[in-house]
N, C-alpha and C. Protein backbone atom coordinates (compact mmCIF):
# COMPACT_ATOMS: atom_id res chain seq x y z
N MET A 1 32.35 -34.06 50.33
CA MET A 1 31.10 -33.92 51.54
C MET A 1 31.23 -32.69 51.72
N ALA A 2 29.64 -31.86 52.67
CA ALA A 2 29.23 -30.55 53.02
C ALA A 2 28.89 -31.30 54.63
N TYR A 3 29.06 -30.19 55.02
CA TYR A 3 28.24 -30.01 56.69
C TYR A 3 26.92 -29.14 56.63
N CYS A 4 26.02 -29.87 57.52
CA CYS A 4 25.17 -29.31 57.76
C CYS A 4 25.27 -28.17 58.97
N PRO A 5 24.84 -26.23 58.45
CA PRO A 5 25.12 -25.45 59.47
C PRO A 5 24.35 -25.50 60.57
N GLU A 6 23.57 -26.70 60.96
CA GLU A 6 22.30 -26.69 62.10
C GLU A 6 22.94 -27.77 63.19
N CYS A 7 23.07 -29.29 62.64
CA CYS A 7 23.44 -30.03 63.19
C CYS A 7 25.12 -30.52 62.80
N LYS A 8 25.85 -29.29 62.11
CA LYS A 8 27.17 -30.11 61.56
C LYS A 8 27.14 -31.88 61.30
N GLY A 9 25.84 -32.11 60.77
CA GLY A 9 26.14 -33.55 60.36
C GLY A 9 26.59 -33.82 58.82
N GLU A 10 27.38 -34.76 58.67
CA GLU A 10 27.88 -34.64 57.00
C GLU A 10 26.54 -35.35 56.17
N MET A 11 26.72 -34.67 55.13
CA MET A 11 25.88 -34.84 54.11
C MET A 11 26.13 -34.73 52.88
N SER A 12 25.83 -34.88 51.71
CA SER A 12 26.32 -34.93 50.06
C SER A 12 26.01 -33.45 49.93
N ALA A 13 26.79 -33.25 49.02
CA ALA A 13 27.24 -31.45 49.23
C ALA A 13 25.68 -31.05 47.62
N THR A 14 24.70 -32.19 47.07
CA THR A 14 23.66 -31.86 46.05
C THR A 14 22.17 -32.04 46.88
N GLU A 15 22.53 -32.58 48.49
CA GLU A 15 21.21 -32.29 48.99
C GLU A 15 20.99 -30.80 49.72
N ILE A 16 19.47 -30.82 49.30
CA ILE A 16 18.74 -29.71 49.91
C ILE A 16 18.34 -29.49 50.81
N VAL A 17 18.26 -31.06 51.67
CA VAL A 17 17.98 -30.92 53.04
C VAL A 17 18.87 -32.09 53.99
N CYS A 18 18.98 -31.49 54.96
CA CYS A 18 19.82 -32.28 55.95
C CYS A 18 19.10 -33.66 56.68
N PRO A 19 19.71 -34.65 55.74
CA PRO A 19 19.31 -36.48 56.37
C PRO A 19 18.95 -36.24 58.09
N HIS A 20 20.04 -35.61 58.91
CA HIS A 20 19.95 -35.83 59.96
C HIS A 20 18.89 -34.97 60.94
N CYS A 21 18.83 -33.83 60.70
CA CYS A 21 17.94 -32.86 61.55
C CYS A 21 16.95 -32.23 60.67
N GLY A 22 16.70 -32.43 59.28
CA GLY A 22 15.73 -31.88 58.28
C GLY A 22 15.68 -30.34 57.83
N TYR A 23 17.09 -29.91 57.98
CA TYR A 23 17.75 -28.42 57.76
C TYR A 23 17.08 -28.20 56.57
N ASP A 24 16.42 -27.36 55.99
CA ASP A 24 16.36 -27.18 54.50
C ASP A 24 16.92 -25.62 53.96
N PHE A 25 18.04 -26.40 53.30
CA PHE A 25 18.68 -25.23 52.48
C PHE A 25 17.78 -24.05 51.51
N PRO A 26 18.26 -23.08 51.66
CA PRO A 26 17.23 -21.80 50.85
C PRO A 26 17.69 -21.98 49.25
N ALA A 27 17.41 -22.01 48.31
CA ALA A 27 17.47 -22.43 47.19
C ALA A 27 18.66 -21.20 46.80
N SER A 28 19.68 -21.53 45.67
CA SER A 28 20.88 -20.87 45.41
C SER A 28 20.51 -19.44 44.86
N GLY A 29 20.92 -18.45 45.06
CA GLY A 29 20.28 -17.20 44.50
C GLY A 29 19.35 -16.36 45.39
N TYR A 30 18.84 -17.42 46.51
CA TYR A 30 17.76 -16.62 47.01
C TYR A 30 18.24 -15.59 48.13
N ASN A 31 17.56 -14.59 48.11
CA ASN A 31 18.13 -13.58 49.23
C ASN A 31 16.75 -13.51 49.95
N ARG A 32 16.75 -13.68 51.57
CA ARG A 32 15.64 -13.88 52.09
C ARG A 32 15.41 -12.15 52.74
N ASN A 33 16.64 -11.14 52.48
CA ASN A 33 16.61 -9.79 53.01
C ASN A 33 15.69 -9.05 51.44
N THR A 34 15.97 -9.69 50.36
CA THR A 34 15.12 -8.76 49.15
C THR A 34 13.80 -8.90 49.77
N ARG A 35 13.11 -7.79 49.25
CA ARG A 35 11.79 -7.42 49.38
C ARG A 35 11.57 -7.07 47.76
N GLY A 36 10.21 -6.95 47.44
CA GLY A 36 9.60 -6.65 46.02
C GLY A 36 8.12 -6.02 46.62
N GLY A 37 7.74 -5.50 45.34
CA GLY A 37 6.65 -4.91 45.22
C GLY A 37 6.28 -3.52 45.94
N PHE A 38 4.95 -3.06 46.40
CA PHE A 38 4.94 -1.69 46.73
C PHE A 38 5.30 -1.05 48.15
N ALA A 39 5.03 -2.20 48.88
CA ALA A 39 5.95 -2.28 50.45
C ALA A 39 7.70 -1.68 50.30
N SER A 40 8.50 -1.94 49.28
CA SER A 40 9.66 -1.71 48.90
C SER A 40 9.75 -0.84 47.94
N SER A 41 8.71 -0.19 47.20
CA SER A 41 9.34 0.80 46.18
C SER A 41 9.25 2.16 47.23
N ALA A 42 9.64 3.26 46.11
CA ALA A 42 10.28 4.14 46.30
C ALA A 42 9.65 5.06 46.78
N ILE A 43 7.63 4.76 46.53
CA ILE A 43 7.09 5.66 47.00
C ILE A 43 6.82 5.50 48.18
N ALA A 44 6.74 4.22 48.70
CA ALA A 44 6.24 3.63 49.96
C ALA A 44 7.80 4.48 50.71
N GLN A 45 8.76 4.31 50.99
CA GLN A 45 9.62 4.76 51.46
C GLN A 45 10.06 6.18 52.08
N GLY A 46 8.88 7.22 50.94
CA GLY A 46 9.68 8.35 51.65
C GLY A 46 10.05 9.20 50.56
N GLN A 47 10.59 8.43 49.15
CA GLN A 47 11.53 8.91 48.47
C GLN A 47 10.83 10.13 47.04
N PHE A 48 9.38 9.17 47.36
CA PHE A 48 8.24 10.35 46.34
C PHE A 48 8.13 11.89 46.75
N MET A 49 8.26 12.04 47.93
CA MET A 49 8.08 13.51 48.21
C MET A 49 9.14 13.89 48.27
N ASN A 50 10.59 13.08 48.24
CA ASN A 50 11.80 13.91 47.76
C ASN A 50 11.98 14.31 46.35
N GLY A 51 11.24 13.30 45.78
CA GLY A 51 11.22 14.18 44.33
C GLY A 51 10.53 14.82 43.66
N LEU A 52 9.28 14.99 44.52
CA LEU A 52 8.31 16.32 44.36
C LEU A 52 8.97 17.87 44.69
N LEU A 53 9.68 17.79 45.31
CA LEU A 53 10.35 18.76 46.27
C LEU A 53 11.64 19.36 45.77
N VAL A 54 12.67 18.59 45.50
CA VAL A 54 14.45 18.41 45.50
C VAL A 54 14.05 18.59 43.73
N TYR A 55 13.84 17.63 42.92
CA TYR A 55 14.08 17.75 41.77
C TYR A 55 13.37 19.07 40.89
N PRO A 56 12.19 19.65 41.53
CA PRO A 56 11.79 21.27 40.61
C PRO A 56 13.02 21.53 40.99
N ILE A 57 13.08 22.32 42.49
CA ILE A 57 14.08 23.04 43.00
C ILE A 57 16.03 22.83 42.13
N ALA A 58 16.32 21.46 42.06
CA ALA A 58 17.20 21.76 41.36
C ALA A 58 16.96 22.61 39.70
N CYS A 59 15.88 22.18 39.27
CA CYS A 59 15.46 22.42 37.85
C CYS A 59 15.60 23.86 38.10
N LEU A 60 14.80 24.90 38.77
CA LEU A 60 14.88 25.82 38.92
C LEU A 60 15.92 26.55 39.09
N LEU A 61 16.84 26.07 39.81
CA LEU A 61 18.45 26.42 39.96
C LEU A 61 18.71 26.42 38.62
N GLN A 62 18.89 25.55 38.02
CA GLN A 62 20.18 25.80 36.87
C GLN A 62 18.98 26.65 35.98
N LEU A 63 17.59 26.62 35.78
CA LEU A 63 17.44 27.67 34.89
C LEU A 63 17.88 28.98 35.48
N GLY A 64 18.01 29.19 36.39
CA GLY A 64 18.35 30.72 37.06
C GLY A 64 19.53 30.69 36.34
N MET A 65 20.53 29.78 36.60
CA MET A 65 22.02 29.79 36.31
C MET A 65 22.01 30.18 35.10
N LEU A 66 21.49 29.39 34.20
CA LEU A 66 21.18 29.53 32.71
C LEU A 66 20.82 31.16 32.24
N VAL A 67 19.73 31.65 32.98
CA VAL A 67 19.51 33.05 32.71
C VAL A 67 20.48 33.89 33.01
N VAL A 68 21.16 33.73 34.26
CA VAL A 68 22.37 34.79 34.63
C VAL A 68 23.83 34.69 33.64
N PHE A 69 24.12 33.52 33.22
CA PHE A 69 24.83 33.53 32.19
C PHE A 69 24.79 33.86 30.89
N ILE A 70 23.13 34.08 30.33
CA ILE A 70 22.78 34.61 29.04
C ILE A 70 23.17 36.23 29.42
N ARG A 71 22.49 36.52 30.28
CA ARG A 71 22.65 37.94 30.75
C ARG A 71 24.09 38.39 30.40
N VAL A 72 24.87 37.94 31.35
CA VAL A 72 26.20 38.10 31.76
C VAL A 72 26.91 38.41 30.29
N GLN A 73 26.79 37.07 29.06
CA GLN A 73 27.24 37.48 28.12
C GLN A 73 26.87 38.80 27.06
N GLN A 74 25.35 39.15 27.41
CA GLN A 74 25.15 40.35 26.65
C GLN A 74 25.74 41.26 26.84
């Protein structure tokens, strides 16, 4: 036996709607907090500018370190 989280009435474990109050259980594996599409993409969350600024700077720093190591070895 299972119990409804809304009315605490007994119900079958295989029912997806409570027969007492009509509470509709979400499908298994469904997460209401999960968002998809453009609104939740990295561009919309401001990470696009992070990629445009941070990654080139990191690349330039690595290139500079490579030049220093090559000159030290000579």
